Protein backbone atom coordinates (compact mmCIF):
# COMPACT_ATOMS: atom_id res chain seq x y z
CA MET A 1 -37.60 30.93 -145.18
CA ASN A 2 -40.17 28.48 -147.03
CA HIS A 3 -41.01 25.68 -145.73
CA LEU A 4 -44.44 23.87 -145.76
CA GLY A 5 -44.85 23.99 -142.12
CA THR A 6 -43.30 23.05 -138.50
CA VAL A 7 -43.37 19.79 -136.88
CA ALA A 8 -42.25 18.83 -133.51
CA PHE A 9 -40.89 15.51 -132.00
CA HIS A 10 -41.46 13.88 -128.56
CA THR A 11 -40.24 10.74 -127.79
CA LEU A 12 -41.55 8.00 -124.97
CA GLY A 13 -39.30 5.04 -124.31
CA CYS A 14 -36.36 3.52 -125.12
CA LYS A 15 -33.29 4.63 -126.77
CA LEU A 16 -34.08 2.63 -129.30
CA ASN A 17 -37.09 4.79 -130.00
CA PHE A 18 -35.21 8.17 -129.87
CA SER A 19 -32.76 7.11 -132.75
CA GLU A 20 -35.66 6.17 -135.04
CA THR A 21 -37.21 9.42 -134.12
CA SER A 22 -34.34 11.61 -134.66
CA SER A 23 -34.17 9.85 -138.48
CA ILE A 24 -38.12 10.30 -138.85
CA ALA A 25 -37.23 14.48 -137.68
CA GLN A 26 -33.96 14.21 -140.34
CA ALA A 27 -36.32 13.38 -143.13
CA PHE A 28 -39.19 16.44 -142.20
CA THR A 29 -36.40 18.91 -142.31
CA GLU A 30 -34.85 17.26 -145.65
CA ALA A 31 -37.81 17.28 -147.16
CA GLY A 32 -38.61 20.78 -146.21
CA TYR A 33 -40.67 21.32 -142.41
CA ALA A 34 -38.77 23.19 -139.78
CA ARG A 35 -38.35 21.48 -136.97
CA VAL A 36 -39.12 23.51 -133.82
CA SER A 37 -39.34 22.20 -129.71
CA PHE A 38 -42.72 20.22 -128.75
CA ASP A 39 -43.89 22.91 -126.23
CA GLU A 40 -43.77 25.34 -129.82
CA PRO A 41 -46.69 26.01 -132.00
CA ALA A 42 -46.34 23.91 -134.52
CA ASN A 43 -48.14 22.32 -137.75
CA TYR A 44 -47.13 19.10 -137.15
CA TYR A 45 -46.70 17.54 -133.74
CA VAL A 46 -45.44 13.43 -134.10
CA ILE A 47 -45.37 11.43 -130.43
CA ASN A 48 -43.05 7.98 -130.88
CA THR A 49 -45.10 5.91 -128.56
CA CYS A 50 -43.62 3.46 -126.03
CA SER A 51 -45.67 -0.28 -125.06
CA VAL A 52 -43.19 -1.54 -122.39
CA THR A 53 -43.35 1.82 -120.09
CA ASP A 54 -46.95 1.46 -117.88
CA ASN A 55 -49.64 4.15 -118.63
CA ALA A 56 -48.30 4.37 -122.09
CA ASP A 57 -52.81 5.38 -122.65
CA LYS A 58 -52.33 8.27 -120.09
CA LYS A 59 -48.54 9.01 -121.37
CA CYS A 60 -49.82 9.48 -124.51
CA ARG A 61 -53.02 11.18 -123.81
CA TYR A 62 -51.25 13.87 -121.77
CA GLU A 63 -48.74 14.55 -124.62
CA VAL A 64 -52.18 14.31 -127.58
CA LYS A 65 -53.28 17.22 -124.89
CA ARG A 66 -49.83 18.90 -124.60
CA ALA A 67 -49.24 19.54 -128.47
CA LEU A 68 -53.04 20.97 -129.03
CA ARG A 69 -52.34 23.68 -126.43
CA ASN A 70 -49.72 24.96 -128.09
CA ASN A 71 -51.96 24.75 -131.33
CA PRO A 72 -55.41 23.64 -131.63
CA ASP A 73 -55.51 23.87 -135.04
CA ALA A 74 -52.25 21.14 -135.19
CA GLN A 75 -52.11 18.27 -137.08
CA VAL A 76 -51.38 15.15 -133.95
CA ILE A 77 -49.81 11.86 -135.22
CA VAL A 78 -49.00 9.17 -133.17
CA ILE A 79 -46.30 6.83 -134.31
CA GLY A 80 -44.93 3.35 -132.79
CA CYS A 81 -45.12 0.71 -130.83
CA TYR A 82 -48.17 1.44 -129.07
CA ALA A 83 -49.47 2.35 -131.68
CA GLN A 84 -48.78 -0.98 -133.06
CA LEU A 85 -50.58 -2.97 -130.54
CA LYS A 86 -53.55 -0.16 -129.25
CA PRO A 87 -54.13 1.72 -132.97
CA ASP A 88 -58.29 1.65 -132.14
CA GLU A 89 -57.26 3.34 -128.41
CA ILE A 90 -55.41 6.16 -129.46
CA ALA A 91 -57.37 6.74 -132.73
CA SER A 92 -60.35 7.69 -129.46
CA ILE A 93 -57.98 10.57 -128.18
CA PRO A 94 -59.28 13.40 -129.13
CA GLY A 95 -57.48 16.07 -131.98
CA VAL A 96 -55.29 12.79 -133.35
CA SER A 97 -55.01 12.66 -136.93
CA LEU A 98 -52.73 10.16 -138.20
CA VAL A 99 -52.04 6.46 -136.39
CA LEU A 100 -49.10 5.01 -137.75
CA GLY A 101 -48.06 1.51 -137.24
CA ALA A 102 -43.99 -0.34 -136.90
CA GLU A 103 -44.22 -0.48 -140.44
CA GLU A 104 -46.26 2.53 -141.61
CA LYS A 105 -44.33 5.12 -138.79
CA PHE A 106 -41.43 5.25 -141.77
CA LYS A 107 -43.26 6.11 -144.32
CA VAL A 108 -45.37 9.38 -142.17
CA LEU A 109 -44.20 12.14 -144.74
CA GLU A 110 -45.74 9.88 -147.60
CA HIS A 111 -48.82 9.49 -145.48
CA LEU A 112 -49.01 12.78 -144.29
CA GLN A 113 -48.55 14.37 -147.52
CA LYS A 114 -51.98 12.06 -148.32
CA THR A 115 -54.14 13.18 -144.72
CA GLU A 116 -55.71 16.62 -145.23
CA LYS A 117 -56.90 17.79 -140.84
CA GLN A 118 -60.37 16.16 -141.15
CA ALA A 119 -63.07 14.62 -138.77
CA LYS A 120 -62.01 11.10 -139.36
CA VAL A 121 -58.56 9.53 -138.16
CA LYS A 122 -56.53 8.20 -140.31
CA VAL A 123 -54.83 4.56 -138.88
CA PHE A 124 -52.44 2.91 -141.02
CA ASN A 125 -51.62 -0.48 -139.22
CA ALA A 126 -49.94 -3.34 -141.15
CA PRO A 127 -50.43 -6.49 -139.08
CA ILE A 128 -47.13 -6.76 -137.17
CA LYS A 129 -46.82 -10.45 -138.60
CA GLU A 130 -45.38 -8.58 -141.93
CA THR A 131 -43.30 -6.34 -140.95
CA ARG A 132 -40.32 -7.13 -142.63
CA ASP A 133 -37.82 -4.24 -142.89
CA PHE A 134 -34.84 -3.05 -141.23
CA HIS A 135 -34.95 0.75 -141.57
CA PRO A 136 -31.77 2.33 -140.28
CA ALA A 137 -31.47 4.83 -137.33
CA TRP A 138 -29.27 7.15 -135.65
CA SER A 139 -29.39 10.32 -132.89
CA ARG A 140 -29.03 13.49 -134.45
CA SER A 141 -29.18 16.11 -131.60
CA ASP A 142 -26.52 15.05 -129.08
CA ARG A 143 -22.97 16.10 -130.22
CA THR A 144 -21.17 14.17 -128.01
CA ARG A 145 -23.33 10.77 -127.66
CA THR A 146 -25.02 9.00 -130.72
CA PHE A 147 -27.25 6.00 -130.61
CA LEU A 148 -27.28 3.82 -133.53
CA LYS A 149 -30.20 1.08 -134.10
CA VAL A 150 -27.73 -1.72 -135.26
CA GLN A 151 -31.72 -4.68 -135.07
CA ASP A 152 -34.92 -4.71 -134.48
CA GLY A 153 -37.28 -6.96 -133.04
CA CYS A 154 -37.32 -9.53 -131.66
CA ASN A 155 -38.42 -14.09 -131.71
CA TYR A 156 -38.17 -13.98 -128.21
CA PHE A 157 -41.38 -14.67 -126.53
CA CYS A 158 -40.41 -13.46 -123.14
CA ALA A 159 -44.02 -14.45 -121.20
CA PHE A 160 -44.27 -10.63 -119.71
CA CYS A 161 -43.50 -8.92 -122.59
CA THR A 162 -44.90 -7.18 -126.12
CA ILE A 163 -42.22 -5.97 -127.68
CA PRO A 164 -42.44 -9.06 -130.15
CA LEU A 165 -45.71 -7.54 -131.03
CA ALA A 166 -44.87 -4.03 -131.43
CA ARG A 167 -42.12 -4.56 -133.13
CA GLY A 168 -42.28 -7.67 -135.31
CA VAL A 169 -39.28 -10.41 -135.94
CA SER A 170 -35.79 -9.69 -135.32
CA ARG A 171 -33.94 -8.34 -138.20
CA SER A 172 -30.97 -6.07 -139.11
CA ALA A 173 -29.33 -4.49 -142.04
CA SER A 174 -25.66 -6.25 -143.10
CA ILE A 175 -22.50 -5.41 -141.20
CA GLN A 176 -21.73 -3.04 -144.72
CA ASP A 177 -24.75 -1.49 -144.01
CA THR A 178 -24.91 -0.61 -140.77
CA ILE A 179 -21.28 0.29 -141.09
CA PHE A 180 -22.21 2.93 -143.91
CA GLU A 181 -24.15 4.46 -141.04
CA ALA A 182 -21.63 4.93 -138.49
CA GLN A 183 -19.60 6.51 -140.74
CA LYS A 184 -22.10 8.92 -140.96
CA VAL A 185 -22.08 9.20 -137.19
CA ALA A 186 -18.41 9.61 -137.46
CA ASN A 187 -18.47 12.29 -140.14
CA SER A 188 -21.34 14.40 -137.62
CA GLY A 189 -18.63 14.80 -135.20
CA ALA A 190 -20.22 12.56 -132.55
CA LYS A 191 -17.79 11.22 -130.26
CA GLU A 192 -19.39 7.89 -128.24
CA VAL A 193 -21.72 5.82 -130.72
CA VAL A 194 -24.41 3.40 -128.16
CA LEU A 195 -25.12 0.18 -129.89
CA THR A 196 -29.15 -0.14 -129.98
CA GLY A 197 -31.61 -2.20 -130.86
CA VAL A 198 -34.14 -4.44 -129.07
CA ASN A 199 -31.96 -7.37 -129.18
CA ILE A 200 -28.88 -6.10 -130.19
CA GLY A 201 -26.71 -9.25 -129.60
CA ASP A 202 -28.98 -11.48 -132.50
CA PHE A 203 -27.48 -8.86 -134.72
CA GLY A 204 -27.68 -11.00 -138.33
CA HIS A 205 -30.49 -13.43 -137.28
CA GLY A 206 -30.71 -15.69 -140.48
CA THR A 207 -27.69 -14.60 -142.43
CA ASP A 208 -24.06 -15.89 -141.78
CA GLU A 209 -23.19 -12.69 -140.46
CA ASN A 210 -23.13 -12.38 -136.03
CA PHE A 211 -23.03 -9.18 -133.77
CA LEU A 212 -19.12 -10.40 -133.23
CA GLY A 213 -18.08 -10.00 -136.34
CA LEU A 214 -20.31 -6.40 -136.39
CA ILE A 215 -18.00 -4.95 -133.16
CA LYS A 216 -14.76 -5.91 -135.09
CA GLU A 217 -15.55 -3.69 -137.55
CA LEU A 218 -17.34 -1.28 -136.37
CA ASP A 219 -13.98 -0.99 -134.54
CA LYS A 220 -11.82 0.41 -137.14
CA ILE A 221 -14.02 3.00 -137.85
CA GLU A 222 -12.31 6.27 -137.92
CA GLY A 223 -13.63 9.58 -135.96
CA ILE A 224 -15.20 7.62 -133.30
CA GLU A 225 -14.01 7.68 -129.82
CA ARG A 226 -16.13 5.12 -128.11
CA PHE A 227 -18.65 2.54 -128.57
CA ARG A 228 -20.86 1.41 -125.60
CA ILE A 229 -23.71 -1.80 -125.99
CA SER A 230 -26.88 -0.82 -124.91
CA SER A 231 -27.97 -3.66 -123.46
CA ILE A 232 -27.11 -7.72 -124.35
CA GLU A 233 -28.73 -11.04 -123.38
CA PRO A 234 -26.80 -12.98 -120.82
CA ASN A 235 -27.37 -16.11 -123.64
CA LEU A 236 -25.71 -14.00 -126.41
CA LEU A 237 -23.10 -12.78 -124.77
CA THR A 238 -20.32 -14.92 -125.94
CA ASP A 239 -16.95 -15.03 -124.17
CA GLU A 240 -15.56 -13.98 -127.25
CA ILE A 241 -17.73 -10.74 -127.08
CA ILE A 242 -16.14 -10.24 -124.16
CA ASP A 243 -12.84 -10.91 -124.95
CA PHE A 244 -12.86 -8.63 -128.32
CA VAL A 245 -14.34 -5.76 -126.28
CA ALA A 246 -10.96 -6.50 -123.74
CA ALA A 247 -8.58 -5.86 -126.52
CA SER A 248 -10.55 -3.64 -127.83
CA ASN A 249 -9.29 0.19 -128.35
CA ASN A 250 -12.89 1.77 -128.72
CA PHE A 251 -15.64 -0.54 -126.55
CA VAL A 252 -15.52 0.24 -122.95
CA PRO A 253 -15.79 -1.88 -120.06
CA HIS A 254 -19.07 -1.43 -119.85
CA PHE A 255 -22.50 -3.81 -119.95
CA HIS A 256 -26.05 -3.89 -119.81
CA ILE A 257 -27.30 -7.22 -119.37
CA PRO A 258 -30.71 -8.10 -118.27
CA LEU A 259 -31.16 -10.71 -115.61
CA GLN A 260 -34.99 -10.45 -114.52
CA SER A 261 -35.18 -12.53 -111.46
CA GLY A 262 -32.34 -14.56 -109.75
CA SER A 263 -34.92 -17.60 -109.17
CA ASP A 264 -34.50 -19.69 -111.89
CA ASP A 265 -38.32 -21.42 -110.82
CA ILE A 266 -39.12 -17.60 -112.06
CA LEU A 267 -36.63 -17.01 -115.08
CA MET A 268 -38.18 -20.73 -116.23
CA ARG A 269 -41.75 -19.11 -115.57
CA MET A 270 -40.68 -15.58 -117.46
CA ARG A 271 -39.48 -18.33 -120.68
CA ARG A 272 -35.99 -16.57 -120.79
CA ARG A 273 -33.59 -18.04 -122.15
CA TYR A 274 -31.10 -19.13 -119.47
CA ARG A 275 -30.14 -19.55 -115.82
CA THR A 276 -28.38 -18.22 -112.70
CA GLU A 277 -25.36 -19.73 -113.35
CA LEU A 278 -25.10 -18.38 -116.75
CA TYR A 279 -25.64 -15.17 -115.63
CA ARG A 280 -23.20 -15.18 -112.99
CA ASN A 281 -20.39 -17.03 -115.26
CA ARG A 282 -20.97 -14.10 -117.59
CA VAL A 283 -19.96 -11.51 -115.01
CA GLU A 284 -17.63 -13.27 -113.49
CA HIS A 285 -15.40 -13.58 -116.90
CA ILE A 286 -16.37 -9.08 -117.96
CA LEU A 287 -14.79 -8.61 -114.01
CA GLN A 288 -11.95 -11.14 -114.79
CA LYS A 289 -11.16 -9.46 -118.21
CA MET A 290 -11.61 -6.64 -116.85
CA PRO A 291 -11.50 -5.49 -113.32
CA ASP A 292 -12.99 -2.28 -113.56
CA ALA A 293 -15.56 -3.02 -115.89
CA CYS A 294 -18.79 -1.02 -115.28
CA ILE A 295 -22.06 -4.08 -114.94
CA GLY A 296 -25.82 -2.96 -114.85
CA VAL A 297 -28.89 -4.97 -114.56
CA ASP A 298 -32.33 -5.17 -115.37
CA VAL A 299 -34.68 -7.07 -112.57
CA ILE A 300 -38.63 -7.51 -112.35
CA VAL A 301 -40.02 -8.11 -109.43
CA GLY A 302 -43.49 -9.47 -108.81
CA PHE A 303 -43.95 -11.51 -111.66
CA PRO A 304 -46.99 -14.08 -111.18
CA GLY A 305 -45.83 -16.75 -108.78
CA GLU A 306 -42.72 -14.76 -107.36
CA THR A 307 -43.38 -15.70 -103.64
CA ASN A 308 -41.57 -14.07 -100.70
CA ALA A 309 -38.83 -17.13 -100.90
CA HIS A 310 -38.50 -16.14 -104.70
CA PHE A 311 -37.65 -12.49 -103.85
CA ASP A 312 -35.36 -13.70 -101.31
CA GLU A 313 -33.57 -15.88 -103.97
CA THR A 314 -33.07 -13.00 -106.01
CA TYR A 315 -32.27 -10.46 -103.93
CA SER A 316 -29.31 -12.74 -102.56
CA PHE A 317 -27.81 -13.35 -105.89
CA LEU A 318 -28.17 -10.03 -106.83
CA HIS A 319 -26.31 -9.20 -103.48
CA SER A 320 -23.91 -11.05 -103.82
CA LEU A 321 -22.65 -10.76 -107.94
CA ASN A 322 -20.52 -8.24 -108.25
CA VAL A 323 -22.57 -5.83 -110.45
CA HIS A 324 -22.79 -2.23 -110.19
CA TYR A 325 -26.33 -1.09 -110.66
CA LEU A 326 -29.74 -2.07 -111.32
CA HIS A 327 -32.89 -0.74 -113.32
CA VAL A 328 -35.71 -1.99 -111.21
CA PHE A 329 -38.92 -2.62 -113.31
CA SER A 330 -42.20 -3.28 -111.24
CA TYR A 331 -44.57 -6.03 -112.83
CA SER A 332 -47.38 -4.80 -115.07
CA GLU A 333 -50.08 -6.75 -116.58
CA ARG A 334 -50.06 -6.20 -120.63
CA ASP A 335 -52.54 -7.59 -123.30
CA ASN A 336 -51.92 -10.61 -125.20
CA THR A 337 -48.77 -11.45 -123.26
CA THR A 338 -48.69 -15.48 -121.59
CA ALA A 339 -48.13 -13.66 -118.31
CA VAL A 340 -51.22 -11.84 -117.79
CA ARG A 341 -52.95 -15.06 -117.70
CA MET A 342 -50.65 -16.54 -115.01
CA ASP A 343 -51.91 -17.37 -111.33
CA GLY A 344 -50.00 -16.10 -108.37
CA VAL A 345 -50.91 -12.43 -108.72
CA VAL A 346 -48.58 -10.07 -106.52
CA PRO A 347 -50.29 -7.40 -105.10
CA THR A 348 -49.30 -4.02 -106.14
CA GLU A 349 -47.91 -3.08 -102.49
CA VAL A 350 -45.95 -5.94 -102.57
CA ARG A 351 -44.51 -5.22 -105.87
CA THR A 352 -43.66 -1.63 -104.40
CA SER A 353 -42.09 -2.60 -101.42
CA ARG A 354 -40.28 -5.50 -103.68
CA SER A 355 -39.06 -2.58 -106.15
CA LYS A 356 -37.90 -0.09 -103.14
CA ALA A 357 -35.56 -3.04 -101.64
CA LEU A 358 -33.75 -3.31 -104.96
CA ARG A 359 -33.46 0.09 -105.58
CA SER A 360 -31.82 0.65 -102.88
CA LEU A 361 -29.71 -2.04 -102.86
CA SER A 362 -28.52 -0.59 -106.46
CA HIS A 363 -27.85 2.21 -104.78
CA LYS A 364 -25.64 0.90 -102.25
CA LYS A 365 -23.96 -1.20 -104.97
CA LYS A 366 -22.93 1.83 -107.03
CA ARG A 367 -21.38 4.07 -104.48
CA SER A 368 -19.23 1.63 -103.60
CA PHE A 369 -18.36 0.76 -107.08
CA TYR A 370 -17.72 4.52 -107.09
CA GLN A 371 -15.88 4.54 -103.83
CA GLN A 372 -13.16 2.07 -105.85
CA GLN A 373 -12.84 4.42 -108.71
CA LEU A 374 -11.66 6.98 -106.60
CA GLY A 375 -7.63 7.63 -106.84
CA LYS A 376 -7.52 6.79 -110.39
CA THR A 377 -7.22 8.05 -113.69
CA ALA A 378 -9.80 8.00 -116.42
CA THR A 379 -10.87 9.44 -119.53
CA VAL A 380 -14.18 11.66 -119.35
CA LEU A 381 -16.12 12.96 -123.00
CA VAL A 382 -17.27 16.41 -121.54
CA GLU A 383 -20.62 17.01 -122.25
CA SER A 384 -22.43 20.45 -122.46
CA ASP A 385 -24.31 19.45 -119.97
CA THR A 386 -23.75 21.97 -116.42
CA SER A 387 -24.18 22.98 -113.26
CA ASP A 388 -23.08 25.42 -111.06
CA GLY A 389 -19.58 26.08 -112.42
CA VAL A 390 -19.76 22.10 -113.18
CA MET A 391 -19.58 20.14 -116.26
CA PHE A 392 -20.70 16.42 -116.54
CA GLY A 393 -19.53 13.64 -118.45
CA PHE A 394 -19.15 9.67 -118.79
CA THR A 395 -15.73 7.65 -117.65
CA GLU A 396 -15.26 5.07 -120.39
CA ASN A 397 -16.72 2.92 -117.43
CA TYR A 398 -19.56 4.59 -116.67
CA VAL A 399 -18.52 6.81 -113.88
CA LYS A 400 -20.52 10.32 -114.31
CA VAL A 401 -17.97 12.88 -113.61
CA GLY A 402 -17.99 16.50 -112.66
CA ILE A 403 -15.06 19.17 -113.33
CA THR A 404 -14.71 22.45 -113.18
CA PHE A 405 -16.63 23.66 -116.06
CA ASN A 406 -14.93 24.80 -119.43
CA PRO A 407 -16.39 25.78 -121.94
CA GLU A 408 -14.05 24.38 -124.89
CA LEU A 409 -13.52 21.17 -123.32
CA VAL A 410 -17.37 20.44 -124.69
CA ASN A 411 -17.05 17.06 -126.95
CA THR A 412 -13.33 16.36 -126.13
CA LEU A 413 -11.98 13.48 -124.09
CA GLN A 414 -10.12 14.19 -121.75
CA LYS A 415 -8.07 12.43 -119.07
CA VAL A 416 -9.08 13.01 -115.14
CA GLN A 417 -8.65 11.29 -111.70
CA LEU A 418 -10.80 10.57 -109.71
CA GLN A 419 -11.06 12.24 -106.22
CA LYS A 420 -14.57 12.46 -104.54
CA LEU A 421 -17.56 11.04 -104.53
CA ARG A 422 -20.42 13.30 -103.46
CA ALA A 423 -23.76 13.04 -101.69
CA ASP A 424 -25.64 13.36 -105.35
CA GLY A 425 -23.55 10.72 -106.44
CA TRP A 426 -21.07 11.96 -109.41
CA VAL A 427 -17.24 12.24 -108.74
CA GLU A 428 -15.39 15.59 -108.48
CA SER A 429 -12.27 15.04 -110.64
CA GLU A 430 -9.61 16.18 -111.69
CA VAL A 431 -8.21 17.35 -115.31
CA LEU A 432 -4.79 16.17 -115.49
CA THR A 433 -4.36 16.35 -118.92
CA GLU A 434 -6.41 19.29 -121.24
CA ILE A 435 -7.24 18.81 -124.77
CA ALA A 436 -7.01 22.90 -126.79
CA GLU A 437 -9.17 22.37 -129.58
CA PRO A 438 -12.34 20.50 -129.96
CA LEU A 439 -12.69 16.94 -131.42
CA PHE A 440 -14.90 17.98 -133.86
């Protein structure tokens, strides 16, 4: 079959990046390019970058070198958040042909047709204030679970964060247009949809629509068995949203709610839009409505000015909360943020020890939550991930479950009994009812 060349993709960072890479890859395929693995020789390599993870520069350089090892004559295209923030830094990496920022990454095919491999790197990086369009996206590679982008950008300028500088203002499609995309996902055979974005609770900003209205409409779509809310700010997670999820057939009892600090002093320095009392209220309201709900938390340690006393407040607050796992980040300096100019820099070794303490707490909370689920029945969406005769999946409340291998069960929902917590962090389970026909 004739094609315009081979193309490979690599994504750094978040679920939102994965959904966008998938949609950009789909555009390449539809235009006549053949997609190959990033470890294979290709004519074009597209690297979608992140600005949040540490060592963005180092990771980007590594992936460029990896691409050129596979084909020294390839064109390497670097797109995304890091490309928006540091285009000149990326352009200086040997072997890069094209650098595309937040808006331009969706026009990569257009730019590629105008740009032959040459000595001079082409950079297209419109000022972020000009980035206003919403580009829908969803991940296509996993038939079991799909990440659906419902929102982009952020109007919050938290002191530590570069995302508004990398992605621009908060924006989204209409509910009607989002439902149209979700219907495509349903038609693809995916059984679980994870709603993703930068600040998804801000869906509909500047219009008369909102996130509650969106999830009410999504809940009516046939063919999608589960919707999962990826991460939502506590000040935007209203009682009405919690109550709706509790009563919904398809939205699962799993919430991921960024906290960042359990000290009100530090939350104020971070310019977060809530305090610990509101956060506790949200957690308690969820568990009152859904006692078996799983709640995950983002937390940052070592923010400038965080004393031992502040960290103790965070540890005590999290210890006292009935939450079930933590995503722990050590604060890292970011250019052009307020925090980078603040006094009270916390030594790296202190950041590391605080991070270790919270990861240990997270491990204990997760095991405790899993223990509480033993003996209960739950529904597992079986994935293709297998190991030593066991296949895995997650319950509606995000417990990782292993069942005896049976390839016919991939991408089916199975009723299981949770039996035994394994040392490596999953729950051995027995299938109670088998669905003979796959759901796709």
